PDB file of N, CA and C in Angstrom:
ATOM      1  N   MET A   1      67.586  89.339  52.258  1.00  0.00           N
ATOM      2  CA  MET A   1      66.474  89.187  50.923  1.00  0.00           C
ATOM      3  C   MET A   1      66.661  90.960  50.689  1.00  0.00           C
ATOM      4  N   THR A   2      66.490  90.960  49.371  1.00  0.00           N
ATOM      5  CA  THR A   2      66.647  91.872  48.605  1.00  0.00           C
ATOM      6  C   THR A   2      64.660  92.802  49.174  1.00  0.00           C
ATOM      7  N   THR A   3      64.605  93.353  48.983  1.00  0.00           N
ATOM      8  CA  THR A   3      63.967  94.769  48.660  1.00  0.00           C
ATOM      9  C   THR A   3      63.566  95.513  47.524  1.00  0.00           C
ATOM     10  N   ASP A   4      64.379  95.564  46.362  1.00  0.00           N
ATOM     11  CA  ASP A   4      64.515  95.774  44.890  1.00  0.00           C
ATOM     12  C   ASP A   4      62.598  95.502  44.529  1.00  0.00           C
ATOM     13  N   PRO A   5      61.943  96.249  44.207  1.00  0.00           N
ATOM     14  CA  PRO A   5      60.741  95.579  43.724  1.00  0.00           C
ATOM     15  C   PRO A   5      60.144  94.425  42.317  1.00  0.00           C
ATOM     16  N   ARG A   6      61.242  95.163  41.763  1.00  0.00           N
ATOM     17  CA  ARG A   6      61.241  94.352  40.294  1.00  0.00           C
ATOM     18  C   ARG A   6      61.657  93.034  40.720  1.00  0.00           C
ATOM     19  N   THR A   7      63.671  93.012  41.969  1.00  0.00           N
ATOM     20  CA  THR A   7      63.533  91.411  41.609  1.00  0.00           C
ATOM     21  C   THR A   7      62.500  90.546  42.653  1.00  0.00           C
ATOM     22  N   VAL A   8      61.770  90.996  43.471  1.00  0.00           N
ATOM     23  CA  VAL A   8      60.514  90.538  44.486  1.00  0.00           C
ATOM     24  C   VAL A   8      59.734  90.189  43.328  1.00  0.00           C
ATOM     25  N   TYR A   9      59.458  90.986  42.405  1.00  0.00           N
ATOM     26  CA  TYR A   9      58.259  90.642  41.311  1.00  0.00           C
ATOM     27  C   TYR A   9      59.032  89.351  40.017  1.00  0.00           C
ATOM     28  N   ASP A  10      60.012  89.458  40.284  1.00  0.00           N
ATOM     29  CA  ASP A  10      60.891  88.020  39.267  1.00  0.00           C
ATOM     30  C   ASP A  10      60.369  87.095  40.027  1.00  0.00           C
ATOM     31  N   ALA A  11      60.904  86.901  41.875  1.00  0.00           N
ATOM     32  CA  ALA A  11      60.897  85.733  42.154  1.00  0.00           C
ATOM     33  C   ALA A  11      59.784  85.407  42.577  1.00  0.00           C
ATOM     34  N   VAL A  12      58.592  85.953  42.852  1.00  0.00           N
ATOM     35  CA  VAL A  12      57.291  85.646  42.558  1.00  0.00           C
ATOM     36  C   VAL A  12      56.751  85.401  41.182  1.00  0.00           C
ATOM     37  N   ALA A  13      57.359  85.789  40.665  1.00  0.00           N
ATOM     38  CA  ALA A  13      56.906  85.329  38.921  1.00  0.00           C
ATOM     39  C   ALA A  13      57.642  83.832  38.709  1.00  0.00           C
ATOM     40  N   SER A  14      58.690  83.861  38.983  1.00  0.00           N
ATOM     41  CA  SER A  14      59.680  82.670  38.949  1.00  0.00           C
ATOM     42  C   SER A  14      59.074  81.221  39.456  1.00  0.00           C
ATOM     43  N   GLU A  15      58.561  82.079  41.236  1.00  0.00           N
ATOM     44  CA  GLU A  15      57.768  80.445  41.621  1.00  0.00           C
ATOM     45  C   GLU A  15      56.110  80.056  41.399  1.00  0.00           C
ATOM     46  N   LEU A  16      55.475  80.622  40.176  1.00  0.00           N
ATOM     47  CA  LEU A  16      54.109  80.784  40.415  1.00  0.00           C
ATOM     48  C   LEU A  16      54.216  79.794  38.861  1.00  0.00           C
ATOM     49  N   ALA A  17      55.554  80.581  38.195  1.00  0.00           N
ATOM     50  CA  ALA A  17      55.656  79.746  36.789  1.00  0.00           C
ATOM     51  C   ALA A  17      56.146  78.238  37.340  1.00  0.00           C
ATOM     52  N   ALA A  18      56.544  78.286  38.298  1.00  0.00           N
ATOM     53  CA  ALA A  18      57.328  76.796  38.895  1.00  0.00           C
ATOM     54  C   ALA A  18      56.443  75.745  39.478  1.00  0.00           C
ATOM     55  N   THR A  19      55.937  76.482  39.959  1.00  0.00           N
ATOM     56  CA  THR A  19      54.498  75.779  40.475  1.00  0.00           C
ATOM     57  C   THR A  19      53.076  75.921  40.293  1.00  0.00           C
ATOM     58  N   SER A  20      52.782  76.258  39.293  1.00  0.00           N
ATOM     59  CA  SER A  20      51.207  76.482  38.895  1.00  0.00           C
ATOM     60  C   SER A  20      51.111  76.553  37.055  1.00  0.00           C
ATOM     61  N   SER A  21      49.775  76.839  36.540  1.00  0.00           N
ATOM     62  CA  SER A  21      49.850  77.121  35.410  1.00  0.00           C
ATOM     63  C   SER A  21      49.689  78.288  34.611  1.00  0.00           C
ATOM     64  N   ALA A  22      50.517  79.354  35.851  1.00  0.00           N
ATOM     65  CA  ALA A  22      50.603  80.415  35.538  1.00  0.00           C
ATOM     66  C   ALA A  22      52.021  80.901  34.637  1.00  0.00           C
ATOM     67  N   THR A  23      51.964  81.757  33.581  1.00  0.00           N
ATOM     68  CA  THR A  23      53.501  81.805  32.555  1.00  0.00           C
ATOM     69  C   THR A  23      53.896  83.231  32.558  1.00  0.00           C
ATOM     70  N   SER A  24      54.903  83.663  32.196  1.00  0.00           N
ATOM     71  CA  SER A  24      55.474  84.663  32.603  1.00  0.00           C
ATOM     72  C   SER A  24      55.483  84.755  30.841  1.00  0.00           C
ATOM     73  N   SER A  25      55.187  86.562  31.338  1.00  0.00           N
ATOM     74  CA  SER A  25      54.621  86.923  29.365  1.00  0.00           C
ATOM     75  C   SER A  25      54.645  88.360  29.733  1.00  0.00           C
ATOM     76  N   LYS A  26      54.244  88.963  28.365  1.00  0.00           N
ATOM     77  CA  LYS A  26      54.185  90.280  28.563  1.00  0.00           C
ATOM     78  C   LYS A  26      53.331  90.452  28.006  1.00  0.00           C
ATOM     79  N   MET A  27      52.327  91.702  28.317  1.00  0.00           N
ATOM     80  CA  MET A  27      51.388  93.397  27.863  1.00  0.00           C
ATOM     81  C   MET A  27      51.548  94.645  27.846  1.00  0.00           C
ATOM     82  N   PHE A  28      51.480  94.765  26.546  1.00  0.00           N
ATOM     83  CA  PHE A  28      51.796  96.084  26.190  1.00  0.00           C
ATOM     84  C   PHE A  28      53.186  96.256  26.861  1.00  0.00           C
ATOM     85  N   GLY A  29      54.001  95.740  26.932  1.00  0.00           N
ATOM     86  CA  GLY A  29      55.508  95.574  27.297  1.00  0.00           C
ATOM     87  C   GLY A  29      55.937  95.593  28.405  1.00  0.00           C
ATOM     88  N   MET A  30      54.267  95.596  29.560  1.00  0.00           N
ATOM     89  CA  MET A  30      54.281  95.050  31.191  1.00  0.00           C
ATOM     90  C   MET A  30      54.756  93.727  31.098  1.00  0.00           C
ATOM     91  N   PRO A  31      56.368  93.785  31.533  1.00  0.00           N
ATOM     92  CA  PRO A  31      55.802  92.433  32.179  1.00  0.00           C
ATOM     93  C   PRO A  31      54.857  91.586  32.907  1.00  0.00           C
ATOM     94  N   CYS A  32      53.831  90.556  32.849  1.00  0.00           N
ATOM     95  CA  CYS A  32      52.830  90.540  33.626  1.00  0.00           C
ATOM     96  C   CYS A  32      52.865  88.412  33.565  1.00  0.00           C
ATOM     97  N   LEU A  33      51.861  87.580  34.812  1.00  0.00           N
ATOM     98  CA  LEU A  33      51.579  86.474  34.259  1.00  0.00           C
ATOM     99  C   LEU A  33      50.159  86.354  34.180  1.00  0.00           C
ATOM    100  N   LYS A  34      50.637  85.310  33.299  1.00  0.00           N
ATOM    101  CA  LYS A  34      48.248  84.620  32.841  1.00  0.00           C
ATOM    102  C   LYS A  34      48.392  83.204  33.285  1.00  0.00           C
ATOM    103  N   THR A  35      47.215  83.323  32.934  1.00  0.00           N
ATOM    104  CA  THR A  35      46.856  81.405  33.264  1.00  0.00           C
ATOM    105  C   THR A  35      45.551  81.687  32.075  1.00  0.00           C
ATOM    106  N   ASN A  36      45.622  80.519  31.778  1.00  0.00           N
ATOM    107  CA  ASN A  36      45.020  80.170  30.916  1.00  0.00           C
ATOM    108  C   ASN A  36      44.570  81.723  29.228  1.00  0.00           C
ATOM    109  N   GLY A  37      46.227  82.163  29.361  1.00  0.00           N
ATOM    110  CA  GLY A  37      46.485  83.036  28.158  1.00  0.00           C
ATOM    111  C   GLY A  37      45.306  84.717  28.930  1.00  0.00           C
ATOM    112  N   LYS A  38      45.168  84.463  30.475  1.00  0.00           N
ATOM    113  CA  LYS A  38      44.747  85.725  30.652  1.00  0.00           C
ATOM    114  C   LYS A  38      45.588  86.344  31.451  1.00  0.00           C
ATOM    115  N   ALA A  39      45.701  87.603  31.476  1.00  0.00           N
ATOM    116  CA  ALA A  39      46.761  88.535  32.913  1.00  0.00           C
ATOM    117  C   ALA A  39      45.556  87.993  34.001  1.00  0.00           C
ATOM    118  N   PHE A  40      46.599  87.903  34.767  1.00  0.00           N
ATOM    119  CA  PHE A  40      46.773  88.508  36.106  1.00  0.00           C
ATOM    120  C   PHE A  40      47.167  89.212  37.193  1.00  0.00           C
ATOM    121  N   ALA A  41      48.534  89.437  36.664  1.00  0.00           N
ATOM    122  CA  ALA A  41      49.392  90.000  37.538  1.00  0.00           C
ATOM    123  C   ALA A  41      49.743  90.685  36.949  1.00  0.00           C
ATOM    124  N   GLY A  42      50.720  91.927  37.206  1.00  0.00           N
ATOM    125  CA  GLY A  42      51.942  92.306  36.351  1.00  0.00           C
ATOM    126  C   GLY A  42      52.973  92.868  37.258  1.00  0.00           C
ATOM    127  N   TYR A  43      54.017  93.631  36.939  1.00  0.00           N
ATOM    128  CA  TYR A  43      54.833  95.157  37.456  1.00  0.00           C
ATOM    129  C   TYR A  43      54.471  95.869  36.800  1.00  0.00           C
ATOM    130  N   TYR A  44      54.454  97.329  37.450  1.00  0.00           N
ATOM    131  CA  TYR A  44      53.841  97.813  36.898  1.00  0.00           C
ATOM    132  C   TYR A  44      54.481  99.017  37.727  1.00  0.00           C
ATOM    133  N   GLU A  45      55.575 100.247  37.059  1.00  0.00           N
ATOM    134  CA  GLU A  45      56.132 101.560  38.107  1.00  0.00           C
ATOM    135  C   GLU A  45      56.474 101.317  39.138  1.00  0.00           C
ATOM    136  N   GLY A  46      57.462  99.727  39.123  1.00  0.00           N
ATOM    137  CA  GLY A  46      57.813  99.623  40.658  1.00  0.00           C
ATOM    138  C   GLY A  46      56.881  99.049  41.181  1.00  0.00           C
ATOM    139  N   ALA A  47      55.780  98.126  40.804  1.00  0.00           N
ATOM    140  CA  ALA A  47      55.117  97.886  42.064  1.00  0.00           C
ATOM    141  C   ALA A  47      54.545  96.604  41.766  1.00  0.00           C
ATOM    142  N   MET A  48      54.332  95.504  42.385  1.00  0.00           N
ATOM    143  CA  MET A  48      52.863  94.350  41.597  1.00  0.00           C
ATOM    144  C   MET A  48      51.911  94.833  41.471  1.00  0.00           C
ATOM    145  N   VAL A  49      51.037  94.451  40.875  1.00  0.00           N
ATOM    146  CA  VAL A  49      50.166  94.893  39.992  1.00  0.00           C
ATOM    147  C   VAL A  49      49.194  93.469  39.875  1.00  0.00           C
ATOM    148  N   PHE A  50      47.794  93.605  40.141  1.00  0.00           N
ATOM    149  CA  PHE A  50      46.598  92.550  40.274  1.00  0.00           C
ATOM    150  C   PHE A  50      45.439  92.464  39.750  1.00  0.00           C
ATOM    151  N   LYS A  51      44.954  92.205  38.732  1.00  0.00           N
ATOM    152  CA  LYS A  51      43.780  92.107  38.090  1.00  0.00           C
ATOM    153  C   LYS A  51      43.035  91.475  39.235  1.00  0.00           C
ATOM    154  N   LEU A  52      41.867  92.010  39.706  1.00  0.00           N
ATOM    155  CA  LEU A  52      40.655  91.649  40.882  1.00  0.00           C
ATOM    156  C   LEU A  52      38.757  92.416  39.955  1.00  0.00           C
ATOM    157  N   THR A  53      38.188  91.097  40.823  1.00  0.00           N
ATOM    158  CA  THR A  53      36.887  90.828  40.127  1.00  0.00           C
ATOM    159  C   THR A  53      36.275  91.586  41.170  1.00  0.00           C
ATOM    160  N   SER A  54      34.822  91.525  41.066  1.00  0.00           N
ATOM    161  CA  SER A  54      34.042  91.702  41.818  1.00  0.00           C
ATOM    162  C   SER A  54      33.804  90.300  43.252  1.00  0.00           C
ATOM    163  N   PRO A  55      33.805  90.257  44.583  1.00  0.00           N
ATOM    164  CA  PRO A  55      33.618  91.584  45.186  1.00  0.00           C
ATOM    165  C   PRO A  55      35.354  92.320  45.278  1.00  0.00           C
ATOM    166  N   HIS A  56      36.156  91.232  45.372  1.00  0.00           N
ATOM    167  CA  HIS A  56      37.391  91.421  45.449  1.00  0.00           C
ATOM    168  C   HIS A  56      37.824  93.109  44.955  1.00  0.00           C
ATOM    169  N   HIS A  57      37.622  93.597  43.821  1.00  0.00           N
ATOM    170  CA  HIS A  57      37.934  94.859  43.411  1.00  0.00           C
ATOM    171  C   HIS A  57      37.317  96.054  43.997  1.00  0.00           C
ATOM    172  N   THR A  58      36.103  95.656  44.839  1.00  0.00           N
ATOM    173  CA  THR A  58      35.359  96.689  45.533  1.00  0.00           C
ATOM    174  C   THR A  58      35.869  97.130  46.933  1.00  0.00           C
ATOM    175  N   GLU A  59      36.194  96.026  47.376  1.00  0.00           N
ATOM    176  CA  GLU A  59      36.976  96.108  49.224  1.00  0.00           C
ATOM    177  C   GLU A  59      38.258  96.393  48.086  1.00  0.00           C
ATOM    178  N   ALA A  60      39.130  96.165  48.070  1.00  0.00           N
ATOM    179  CA  ALA A  60      40.215  96.815  47.692  1.00  0.00           C
ATOM    180  C   ALA A  60      39.770  98.218  47.833  1.00  0.00           C
ATOM    181  N   LEU A  61      39.164  99.127  46.754  1.00  0.00           N
ATOM    182  CA  LEU A  61      39.414 100.148  46.521  1.00  0.00           C
ATOM    183  C   LEU A  61      38.433 100.703  47.521  1.00  0.00           C
ATOM    184  N   ASN A  62      37.801 100.276  48.733  1.00  0.00           N
ATOM    185  CA  ASN A  62      37.195 100.677  50.149  1.00  0.00           C
ATOM    186  C   ASN A  62      38.024 100.681  51.253  1.00  0.00           C
ATOM    187  N   CYS A  63      39.320  99.524  50.650  1.00  0.00           N
ATOM    188  CA  CYS A  63      40.546  99.694  51.703  1.00  0.00           C
ATOM    189  C   CYS A  63      41.266 101.054  52.112  1.00  0.00           C
ATOM    190  N   SER A  64      40.939 101.152  53.570  1.00  0.00           N
ATOM    191  CA  SER A  64      42.033 101.889  54.100  1.00  0.00           C
ATOM    192  C   SER A  64      43.441 102.353  54.463  1.00  0.00           C
ATOM    193  N   ILE A  65      43.694 101.123  54.658  1.00  0.00           N
ATOM    194  CA  ILE A  65      45.112 100.906  54.630  1.00  0.00           C
ATOM    195  C   ILE A  65      46.142 100.777  53.326  1.00  0.00           C
ATOM    196  N   ARG A  66      47.188 101.108  53.597  1.00  0.00           N
ATOM    197  CA  ARG A  66      47.588 101.721  52.048  1.00  0.00           C
ATOM    198  C   ARG A  66      49.571 101.062  51.857  1.00  0.00           C
ATOM    199  N   PRO A  67      49.955 100.144  51.343  1.00  0.00           N
ATOM    200  CA  PRO A  67      51.252 100.326  51.300  1.00  0.00           C
ATOM    201  C   PRO A  67      52.229 101.290  50.881  1.00  0.00           C
ATOM    202  N   ALA A  68      53.080 101.873  52.075  1.00  0.00           N
ATOM    203  CA  ALA A  68      54.044 102.581  52.039  1.00  0.00           C
ATOM    204  C   ALA A  68      54.119 102.963  50.505  1.00  0.00           C
ATOM    205  N   ALA A  69      54.391 102.379  49.914  1.00  0.00           N
ATOM    206  CA  ALA A  69      55.059 102.739  48.204  1.00  0.00           C
ATOM    207  C   ALA A  69      53.198 103.805  47.577  1.00  0.00           C
ATOM    208  N   VAL A  70      52.274 103.614  48.012  1.00  0.00           N
ATOM    209  CA  VAL A  70      51.571 104.403  47.263  1.00  0.00           C
ATOM    210  C   VAL A  70      50.690 105.440  48.344  1.00  0.00           C
ATOM    211  N   ALA A  71      51.469 105.111  49.368  1.00  0.00           N
ATOM    212  CA  ALA A  71      50.822 106.037  50.641  1.00  0.00           C
ATOM    213  C   ALA A  71      51.127 107.416  49.495  1.00  0.00           C
ATOM    214  N   PRO A  72      49.505 108.468  50.440  1.00  0.00           N
ATOM    215  CA  PRO A  72      50.144 109.930  49.683  1.00  0.00           C
ATOM    216  C   PRO A  72      51.254 110.954  50.173  1.00  0.00           C
TER     217      PRO A  72
END
């Protein structure tokens, strides 16, 4: 299994597009996934990023555990 972030993103995007209403698209040149025309995930600067709404957004900001890719 590959650990290349873009390859992993592409695999996740393909799976979601094949099994849900999500579609692959671009937003400001960034590869993204959309549902009902609204972006909910994308690939930016080597990582998969997600749009979160409250309370999930607040929980994520308060999370003390960070992935190695974004650890200081």
